[in-house]
Each structure stands twice: as C-alpha cells, then as structure tokens.
C-alpha cells in the first residue's frame, strides 16, 4: 500500500508505538513517520506507507505551529509533566508583562535543547542518556520564533500559540518564558497544529504530486529509459535548467535532479494511486 496522510497522535504514546497502531489499522507492514512527537505531546504527525516513505526527504514542513500550556512554578527535568517533580506558589504575572515578553521573543533565539530530547550525542539519543542518569551536555542551538500569541492566562497556566522554524524546542521556549518572569516552568500540554502545509484532516489521503513542491519536466526520449533507470541525456528534456523536477507517467512518477550537464535520479518508479 502506498499512502501518505496526516495523523493526530494522542497523548502518552510514543510516535513509534502510534505508527504500529496505524499500520494495524490499515493492514500494512511497511510504514514510517516524519517529525517525532514526544509521548506527552499530541497533534500533527506525517505518516506514509509503502514507497511513499521515500517522500519524507522532500517535504517542506516549516514553519511549525504549536499550542502549548506553560505551568509557571512547575519543576521538571524534562521540562514537561512526564518528569514532574513539584510546583511552587508564586504571585500572578500581569497580562501586560506576558504580552510584552512575547513581543520581545519574536526573532532568532539561542538556547540549550532539553536533555530529554532526540538530539544525538556520540551516536546515542540524549533522552536515553538522561533516563540512565548519565551526564548530558548539549550544544546551544538557534531557532526562530515567527509569531507567539497569548491565548489565555489562568494563573499559573499560560496557554499560547507559537510559530517556529525547523528544529525548535517548544519546551525550551517555555522554560525561557518562565525564567524571564522569574520562576521555573514546564509544559503541561503541547499540541502540534501544523507543519508547513500539513495539518490533521481526518487522515485524508494526500496526493504526492500535489505535496511535492517541484516543477514538472518532460522527457522527450523513450519513457522506458526512465522507467528502467538508464542514464538520461540532458538534451532530451524539455527544460534543461538546473533544479529538481517531477517526471509523470501513466502509473508511476520519478524525481530527478539536473546539475549542469548531469541528470541524477532522486526517486524512480514510484507507483501513483488514483486520487479524487
């Protein structure tokens, strides 16, 4: 089965476990997902079955939009409720202070990712080392906040929506917000609303030729040359400009790249499904 769609991952299940659940639902063995969500997080998870797992590398999944609830005064090693250690009382922060703080955070931001993250340290995941009680030292990262909006403040909970660049850590953004108002903090909820054009629509099947943002090209030679993976000559293409292109055939499609005088296959003979 070739299929790509957006799932809505529920809370307190790993992305991998949820994938197994979806594979059973659709009665397929080969599948994958792009963009891991933490077990406590919910929301948009791009899932593909069969050959369509090869499409992940080409998907434009930024900016990302999240809705989160920050618990001011909460303490957690993982910066979320999974490793909750307690909470302390604090005075209510004014709405004006929060809104002013949010305005100041728009733009590029440098911070250290959570030690309970999927970052790799010498070939091992940081969260694995942290759970084993081993030292975790992560390098500082830079991400960008395009928009951050206060949705509701019911002390000590700040509910906000944030639009960020690829590779951003909303748990760390929550920690920064808490520190700037003079306390600790952890996320009590995190929901990924969208990744680029991808958002949950009841697991609607997506057309790969619509979500791959590459122009079409036409091979003027014998299409069997492409289907059989033969070396392709540049002068047999309608467009010979450098770039990545989709080649459409009756039942399959291919993705090729033209670099100067060379034509390179990126994907070949991916089966097309009928889409209404």
Foldseek 3Di string as FASTA:
>chain_A
DWFKFWDKADAQDWPVRVLVVVCVVVVADAKDWPDTDDRRAIFTIIMTGDPCVLCNVQFQFDFWKKKFKKAAQWDALQLEPPRTDDGDDDDDDDPVVLVVVQVVQAFKDKDFARLLAQDDDPRHGSNVCVVVVHDGDGDIDMKGWHHKAFDDCDPPMTIIMTTIGPPDDVSVVSQVSNVVVPTGIGIHYMYTQGTVVHGHDPGDTDFSVVRRPAAAKEFQDDCVCQQVVHFHWQVRIPDNDFDWHWYDDDFFIFIWTHDPGGIGTSGGGHGGDDDD
